[in-house]
Amino acid sequence: MQVNLTNEMLKILQTSGIAANLADLTLDKNGIYFSLPNQTTTKVMLYQAKIQESLFRTQGEPLVHLSACDESLKNYDNADFLAIIRTDMQFFLSIYSHKIQTKIFNQKPLNLCPHCHNLLHHSYQDNLQLFFEK
């Protein structure tokens, strides 16, 4: 049985995501691109999947990023961030206190950062499916 590595990578991106520090990502004003084994790219989102409880309390829920905004440029190689493809805006989120996991959310609704929301609104008519297809 032969495994198509590109298809398997896409399945992982559409389910659990891949740690940003392990992903080959390129960012620009139109998107965040994940390099696939077949030498093509696919658009992904980036968000902080692991967050310290104190930060969660003071800053609230992490935001999701679609393009080269300030936050994604700072964290595109951060192990706490995931590259993922999601159109339902439901994400896995793990809250930590001193390296001990205290809470887990399996389908936590998260919002886009203001910069990325403007991109989606003005360039893709607020349609995530359209964003991922172009």
N, C-alpha and C. Protein backbone atom coordinates (compact mmCIF):
# COMPACT_ATOMS: atom_id res chain seq x y z
N MET A 1 0.84 -1.18 0.00
CA MET A 1 0.00 0.00 0.00
C MET A 1 0.89 1.25 0.00
N GLN A 2 0.64 2.13 -0.93
CA GLN A 2 1.43 3.35 -1.05
C GLN A 2 0.68 4.51 -0.40
N VAL A 3 1.40 5.29 0.38
CA VAL A 3 0.81 6.43 1.06
C VAL A 3 1.18 7.70 0.30
N ASN A 4 0.17 8.52 0.05
CA ASN A 4 0.42 9.81 -0.59
C ASN A 4 0.69 10.82 0.53
N LEU A 5 1.96 11.19 0.69
CA LEU A 5 2.37 12.05 1.79
C LEU A 5 1.66 13.41 1.76
N THR A 6 1.47 13.97 0.58
CA THR A 6 0.78 15.26 0.48
C THR A 6 -0.65 15.15 1.00
N ASN A 7 -1.36 14.09 0.59
CA ASN A 7 -2.74 13.91 1.06
C ASN A 7 -2.79 13.69 2.57
N GLU A 8 -1.82 12.95 3.10
CA GLU A 8 -1.78 12.71 4.54
C GLU A 8 -1.51 14.01 5.31
N MET A 9 -0.61 14.83 4.79
CA MET A 9 -0.33 16.12 5.43
C MET A 9 -1.57 17.01 5.42
N LEU A 10 -2.30 17.02 4.31
CA LEU A 10 -3.54 17.81 4.22
C LEU A 10 -4.57 17.32 5.24
N LYS A 11 -4.68 16.00 5.42
CA LYS A 11 -5.61 15.45 6.41
C LYS A 11 -5.24 15.91 7.82
N ILE A 12 -3.94 15.89 8.13
CA ILE A 12 -3.49 16.34 9.45
C ILE A 12 -3.80 17.83 9.63
N LEU A 13 -3.55 18.63 8.60
CA LEU A 13 -3.83 20.07 8.68
C LEU A 13 -5.33 20.33 8.89
N GLN A 14 -6.18 19.48 8.34
CA GLN A 14 -7.63 19.67 8.44
C GLN A 14 -8.21 19.10 9.73
N THR A 15 -7.42 18.35 10.48
CA THR A 15 -7.93 17.76 11.73
C THR A 15 -7.22 18.36 12.94
N SER A 16 -6.03 17.88 13.22
CA SER A 16 -5.34 18.30 14.44
C SER A 16 -4.38 19.47 14.24
N GLY A 17 -3.94 19.70 13.02
CA GLY A 17 -2.97 20.76 12.76
C GLY A 17 -1.55 20.29 12.99
N ILE A 18 -0.60 21.14 12.65
CA ILE A 18 0.83 20.83 12.78
C ILE A 18 1.49 21.99 13.53
N ALA A 19 2.32 21.65 14.50
CA ALA A 19 3.02 22.68 15.29
C ALA A 19 3.77 23.62 14.35
N ALA A 20 3.61 24.90 14.59
CA ALA A 20 4.20 25.90 13.70
C ALA A 20 5.71 25.77 13.60
N ASN A 21 6.37 25.38 14.68
CA ASN A 21 7.82 25.25 14.64
C ASN A 21 8.28 24.06 13.80
N LEU A 22 7.38 23.15 13.47
CA LEU A 22 7.71 21.99 12.63
C LEU A 22 7.24 22.18 11.19
N ALA A 23 6.54 23.26 10.93
CA ALA A 23 5.96 23.50 9.61
C ALA A 23 6.86 24.43 8.80
N ASP A 24 6.85 24.21 7.49
CA ASP A 24 7.55 25.11 6.57
C ASP A 24 6.53 26.14 6.10
N LEU A 25 6.50 27.30 6.77
CA LEU A 25 5.49 28.32 6.51
C LEU A 25 6.09 29.54 5.82
N THR A 26 5.31 30.11 4.92
CA THR A 26 5.63 31.38 4.28
C THR A 26 4.44 32.30 4.52
N LEU A 27 4.70 33.54 4.90
CA LEU A 27 3.63 34.48 5.20
C LEU A 27 3.73 35.69 4.29
N ASP A 28 2.56 36.17 3.83
CA ASP A 28 2.50 37.44 3.13
C ASP A 28 1.16 38.10 3.42
N LYS A 29 0.88 39.22 2.78
CA LYS A 29 -0.34 39.98 3.09
C LYS A 29 -1.62 39.25 2.70
N ASN A 30 -1.51 38.21 1.86
CA ASN A 30 -2.69 37.48 1.41
C ASN A 30 -2.91 36.15 2.11
N GLY A 31 -1.94 35.69 2.89
CA GLY A 31 -2.13 34.41 3.54
C GLY A 31 -0.89 33.86 4.22
N ILE A 32 -1.10 32.72 4.87
CA ILE A 32 -0.03 31.93 5.47
C ILE A 32 -0.02 30.63 4.68
N TYR A 33 1.12 30.26 4.15
CA TYR A 33 1.21 29.13 3.23
C TYR A 33 2.08 28.02 3.81
N PHE A 34 1.55 26.81 3.78
CA PHE A 34 2.24 25.62 4.25
C PHE A 34 2.81 24.89 3.04
N SER A 35 4.10 24.61 3.04
CA SER A 35 4.74 23.90 1.93
C SER A 35 4.49 22.40 2.06
N LEU A 36 3.94 21.82 1.01
CA LEU A 36 3.62 20.40 0.98
C LEU A 36 4.74 19.60 0.30
N PRO A 37 4.79 18.28 0.55
CA PRO A 37 5.86 17.45 -0.03
C PRO A 37 5.90 17.45 -1.56
N ASN A 38 4.77 17.73 -2.22
CA ASN A 38 4.74 17.71 -3.69
C ASN A 38 5.15 19.06 -4.30
N GLN A 39 5.80 19.91 -3.50
CA GLN A 39 6.32 21.22 -3.93
C GLN A 39 5.23 22.26 -4.19
N THR A 40 4.01 22.03 -3.70
CA THR A 40 2.94 23.02 -3.77
C THR A 40 2.73 23.59 -2.36
N THR A 41 1.86 24.59 -2.27
CA THR A 41 1.52 25.15 -0.96
C THR A 41 0.01 25.16 -0.79
N THR A 42 -0.41 25.22 0.45
CA THR A 42 -1.81 25.38 0.78
C THR A 42 -1.93 26.44 1.86
N LYS A 43 -3.00 27.21 1.81
CA LYS A 43 -3.22 28.23 2.84
C LYS A 43 -3.62 27.55 4.15
N VAL A 44 -3.13 28.12 5.25
CA VAL A 44 -3.46 27.64 6.58
C VAL A 44 -3.77 28.83 7.49
N MET A 45 -4.32 28.51 8.65
CA MET A 45 -4.50 29.48 9.72
C MET A 45 -3.42 29.22 10.75
N LEU A 46 -3.19 30.19 11.60
CA LEU A 46 -2.22 30.05 12.68
C LEU A 46 -2.88 30.55 13.96
N TYR A 47 -2.76 29.76 15.03
CA TYR A 47 -3.31 30.21 16.31
C TYR A 47 -2.54 29.56 17.45
N GLN A 48 -2.62 30.18 18.62
CA GLN A 48 -1.94 29.66 19.80
C GLN A 48 -2.81 28.59 20.44
N ALA A 49 -2.38 27.32 20.33
CA ALA A 49 -3.14 26.19 20.85
C ALA A 49 -2.83 25.90 22.31
N LYS A 50 -1.66 26.33 22.78
CA LYS A 50 -1.27 26.16 24.18
C LYS A 50 -1.03 27.54 24.76
N ILE A 51 -1.70 27.82 25.88
CA ILE A 51 -1.58 29.16 26.46
C ILE A 51 -1.49 29.06 27.99
N GLN A 52 -0.69 29.91 28.58
CA GLN A 52 -0.57 29.96 30.04
C GLN A 52 -1.87 30.51 30.64
N GLU A 53 -2.27 29.91 31.75
CA GLU A 53 -3.52 30.31 32.40
C GLU A 53 -3.53 31.80 32.75
N SER A 54 -2.42 32.33 33.24
CA SER A 54 -2.36 33.75 33.60
C SER A 54 -2.57 34.64 32.38
N LEU A 55 -1.99 34.27 31.26
CA LEU A 55 -2.17 35.02 30.02
C LEU A 55 -3.61 34.90 29.52
N PHE A 56 -4.18 33.71 29.65
CA PHE A 56 -5.56 33.47 29.24
C PHE A 56 -6.51 34.35 30.06
N ARG A 57 -6.22 34.48 31.36
CA ARG A 57 -7.06 35.32 32.23
C ARG A 57 -6.95 36.80 31.89
N THR A 58 -5.73 37.27 31.61
CA THR A 58 -5.53 38.71 31.39
C THR A 58 -5.82 39.15 29.96
N GLN A 59 -5.48 38.31 28.97
CA GLN A 59 -5.65 38.71 27.57
C GLN A 59 -6.83 38.04 26.89
N GLY A 60 -7.42 37.03 27.52
CA GLY A 60 -8.55 36.35 26.93
C GLY A 60 -8.12 35.27 25.95
N GLU A 61 -9.06 34.85 25.16
CA GLU A 61 -8.83 33.76 24.21
C GLU A 61 -7.85 34.19 23.13
N PRO A 62 -7.04 33.24 22.66
CA PRO A 62 -6.13 33.57 21.56
C PRO A 62 -6.92 33.87 20.28
N LEU A 63 -6.31 34.61 19.40
CA LEU A 63 -6.93 34.96 18.12
C LEU A 63 -6.35 34.09 17.01
N VAL A 64 -7.10 33.97 15.94
CA VAL A 64 -6.69 33.17 14.78
C VAL A 64 -6.16 34.12 13.71
N HIS A 65 -5.13 33.68 13.00
CA HIS A 65 -4.46 34.53 12.01
C HIS A 65 -4.46 33.87 10.63
N LEU A 66 -4.69 34.70 9.61
CA LEU A 66 -4.76 34.23 8.23
C LEU A 66 -3.62 34.75 7.35
N SER A 67 -2.94 35.78 7.80
CA SER A 67 -1.94 36.42 6.94
C SER A 67 -0.79 36.97 7.79
N ALA A 68 0.09 37.72 7.15
CA ALA A 68 1.28 38.26 7.81
C ALA A 68 0.94 39.47 8.68
N CYS A 69 0.16 39.25 9.73
CA CYS A 69 -0.12 40.31 10.70
C CYS A 69 1.01 40.30 11.74
N ASP A 70 1.02 41.28 12.62
CA ASP A 70 2.10 41.37 13.61
C ASP A 70 2.25 40.10 14.44
N GLU A 71 1.14 39.56 14.93
CA GLU A 71 1.18 38.38 15.79
C GLU A 71 1.69 37.15 15.04
N SER A 72 1.22 36.92 13.83
CA SER A 72 1.68 35.74 13.09
C SER A 72 3.15 35.86 12.71
N LEU A 73 3.60 37.05 12.39
CA LEU A 73 5.02 37.25 12.07
C LEU A 73 5.91 36.97 13.28
N LYS A 74 5.42 37.24 14.47
CA LYS A 74 6.20 36.99 15.69
C LYS A 74 6.20 35.51 16.07
N ASN A 75 5.15 34.77 15.68
CA ASN A 75 4.96 33.42 16.23
C ASN A 75 4.87 32.30 15.20
N TYR A 76 5.22 32.56 13.95
CA TYR A 76 5.06 31.51 12.93
C TYR A 76 5.99 30.32 13.15
N ASP A 77 6.95 30.44 14.06
CA ASP A 77 7.83 29.30 14.36
C ASP A 77 7.77 28.93 15.85
N ASN A 78 6.68 29.28 16.51
CA ASN A 78 6.47 29.03 17.94
C ASN A 78 5.80 27.67 18.13
N ALA A 79 6.36 26.83 18.98
CA ALA A 79 5.82 25.48 19.21
C ALA A 79 4.42 25.49 19.82
N ASP A 80 4.01 26.59 20.45
CA ASP A 80 2.67 26.67 21.04
C ASP A 80 1.59 27.02 20.01
N PHE A 81 2.01 27.37 18.81
CA PHE A 81 1.08 27.73 17.74
C PHE A 81 0.90 26.57 16.78
N LEU A 82 -0.30 26.44 16.23
CA LEU A 82 -0.60 25.40 15.25
C LEU A 82 -0.95 26.01 13.90
N ALA A 83 -0.46 25.36 12.85
CA ALA A 83 -0.91 25.64 11.49
C ALA A 83 -2.05 24.66 11.23
N ILE A 84 -3.18 25.16 10.78
CA ILE A 84 -4.37 24.32 10.65
C ILE A 84 -5.28 24.87 9.56
N ILE A 85 -6.14 24.02 9.02
CA ILE A 85 -7.16 24.43 8.05
C ILE A 85 -8.52 24.14 8.69
N ARG A 86 -9.26 25.19 9.00
CA ARG A 86 -10.58 25.05 9.62
C ARG A 86 -11.52 26.09 9.06
N THR A 87 -12.68 25.69 8.60
CA THR A 87 -13.67 26.67 8.15
C THR A 87 -14.76 26.89 9.20
N ASP A 88 -14.83 26.02 10.21
CA ASP A 88 -15.87 26.15 11.24
C ASP A 88 -15.45 27.02 12.43
N MET A 89 -14.19 27.46 12.44
CA MET A 89 -13.64 28.32 13.51
C MET A 89 -13.75 27.68 14.89
N GLN A 90 -13.69 26.34 14.96
CA GLN A 90 -13.70 25.58 16.21
C GLN A 90 -12.30 24.98 16.37
N PHE A 91 -11.67 25.21 17.52
CA PHE A 91 -10.27 24.84 17.69
C PHE A 91 -10.01 24.11 19.00
N PHE A 92 -8.93 23.33 19.02
CA PHE A 92 -8.41 22.72 20.23
C PHE A 92 -7.61 23.78 20.98
N LEU A 93 -7.84 23.87 22.29
CA LEU A 93 -7.12 24.84 23.10
C LEU A 93 -6.76 24.20 24.43
N SER A 94 -5.51 24.34 24.82
CA SER A 94 -5.00 23.77 26.06
C SER A 94 -4.48 24.89 26.95
N ILE A 95 -4.97 24.92 28.19
CA ILE A 95 -4.58 25.95 29.15
C ILE A 95 -3.61 25.32 30.16
N TYR A 96 -2.48 25.99 30.39
CA TYR A 96 -1.45 25.48 31.29
C TYR A 96 -1.20 26.43 32.44
N SER A 97 -0.79 25.84 33.57
CA SER A 97 -0.30 26.61 34.71
C SER A 97 0.98 25.92 35.18
N HIS A 98 2.09 26.59 35.05
CA HIS A 98 3.39 26.04 35.45
C HIS A 98 3.64 24.67 34.82
N LYS A 99 3.45 24.56 33.54
CA LYS A 99 3.69 23.35 32.73
C LYS A 99 2.72 22.21 33.03
N ILE A 100 1.67 22.48 33.81
CA ILE A 100 0.65 21.47 34.09
C ILE A 100 -0.63 21.90 33.38
N GLN A 101 -1.17 20.98 32.57
CA GLN A 101 -2.39 21.28 31.84
C GLN A 101 -3.56 21.37 32.81
N THR A 102 -4.29 22.49 32.79
CA THR A 102 -5.40 22.69 33.72
C THR A 102 -6.77 22.62 33.05
N LYS A 103 -6.84 22.94 31.76
CA LYS A 103 -8.11 22.90 31.02
C LYS A 103 -7.83 22.51 29.57
N ILE A 104 -8.82 21.83 28.99
CA ILE A 104 -8.76 21.48 27.56
C ILE A 104 -10.11 21.82 26.94
N PHE A 105 -10.06 22.48 25.81
CA PHE A 105 -11.26 22.72 25.01
C PHE A 105 -11.06 22.00 23.68
N ASN A 106 -12.02 21.18 23.29
CA ASN A 106 -11.89 20.45 22.03
C ASN A 106 -12.42 21.21 20.83
N GLN A 107 -13.51 21.92 20.99
CA GLN A 107 -14.08 22.68 19.88
C GLN A 107 -14.41 24.08 20.37
N LYS A 108 -13.37 24.81 20.68
CA LYS A 108 -13.50 26.17 21.21
C LYS A 108 -13.64 27.16 20.06
N PRO A 109 -14.74 27.90 20.00
CA PRO A 109 -14.85 28.93 18.96
C PRO A 109 -13.87 30.07 19.25
N LEU A 110 -13.07 30.41 18.27
CA LEU A 110 -12.12 31.52 18.40
C LEU A 110 -12.36 32.52 17.28
N ASN A 111 -11.97 33.75 17.51
CA ASN A 111 -12.16 34.82 16.53
C ASN A 111 -10.87 35.13 15.78
N LEU A 112 -11.03 35.71 14.62
CA LEU A 112 -9.88 36.20 13.86
C LEU A 112 -9.35 37.47 14.50
N CYS A 113 -8.06 37.70 14.35
CA CYS A 113 -7.50 38.98 14.81
C CYS A 113 -8.08 40.08 13.91
N PRO A 114 -8.12 41.32 14.37
CA PRO A 114 -8.73 42.40 13.58
C PRO A 114 -8.12 42.56 12.18
N HIS A 115 -6.80 42.47 12.08
CA HIS A 115 -6.14 42.60 10.77
C HIS A 115 -6.61 41.50 9.81
N CYS A 116 -6.62 40.26 10.29
CA CYS A 116 -7.00 39.13 9.44
C CYS A 116 -8.50 39.13 9.14
N HIS A 117 -9.30 39.62 10.10
CA HIS A 117 -10.74 39.76 9.85
C HIS A 117 -10.99 40.74 8.71
N ASN A 118 -10.25 41.86 8.70
CA ASN A 118 -10.39 42.83 7.60
C ASN A 118 -10.01 42.22 6.26
N LEU A 119 -8.95 41.43 6.24
CA LEU A 119 -8.55 40.74 5.00
C LEU A 119 -9.68 39.83 4.52
N LEU A 120 -10.23 39.02 5.41
CA LEU A 120 -11.30 38.10 5.04
C LEU A 120 -12.53 38.86 4.56
N HIS A 121 -12.86 39.94 5.24
CA HIS A 121 -14.05 40.72 4.89
C HIS A 121 -13.89 41.41 3.53
N HIS A 122 -12.78 42.10 3.33
CA HIS A 122 -12.61 42.90 2.11
C HIS A 122 -12.20 42.08 0.89
N SER A 123 -11.44 41.03 1.07
CA SER A 123 -10.93 40.28 -0.08
C SER A 123 -11.70 39.00 -0.37
N TYR A 124 -12.41 38.47 0.64
CA TYR A 124 -13.06 37.17 0.46
C TYR A 124 -14.52 37.17 0.93
N GLN A 125 -15.13 38.31 1.05
CA GLN A 125 -16.54 38.45 1.44
C GLN A 125 -16.88 37.65 2.70
N ASP A 126 -15.98 37.65 3.69
CA ASP A 126 -16.17 36.92 4.95
C ASP A 126 -16.34 35.42 4.76
N ASN A 127 -15.83 34.88 3.66
CA ASN A 127 -16.01 33.47 3.34
C ASN A 127 -14.68 32.72 3.49
N LEU A 128 -14.55 31.94 4.57
CA LEU A 128 -13.31 31.19 4.80
C LEU A 128 -13.06 30.15 3.71
N GLN A 129 -14.12 29.51 3.23
CA GLN A 129 -13.95 28.52 2.17
C GLN A 129 -13.31 29.16 0.94
N LEU A 130 -13.79 30.33 0.59
CA LEU A 130 -13.23 31.08 -0.54
C LEU A 130 -11.77 31.46 -0.27
N PHE A 131 -11.47 31.85 0.96
CA PHE A 131 -10.09 32.18 1.34
C PHE A 131 -9.16 31.00 1.09
N PHE A 132 -9.57 29.81 1.52
CA PHE A 132 -8.71 28.63 1.37
C PHE A 132 -8.59 28.18 -0.09
N GLU A 133 -9.60 28.48 -0.91
CA GLU A 133 -9.57 28.05 -2.31
C GLU A 133 -8.72 28.95 -3.19
N LYS A 134 -8.55 30.21 -2.83
CA LYS A 134 -7.80 31.15 -3.69
C LYS A 134 -6.35 31.24 -3.30
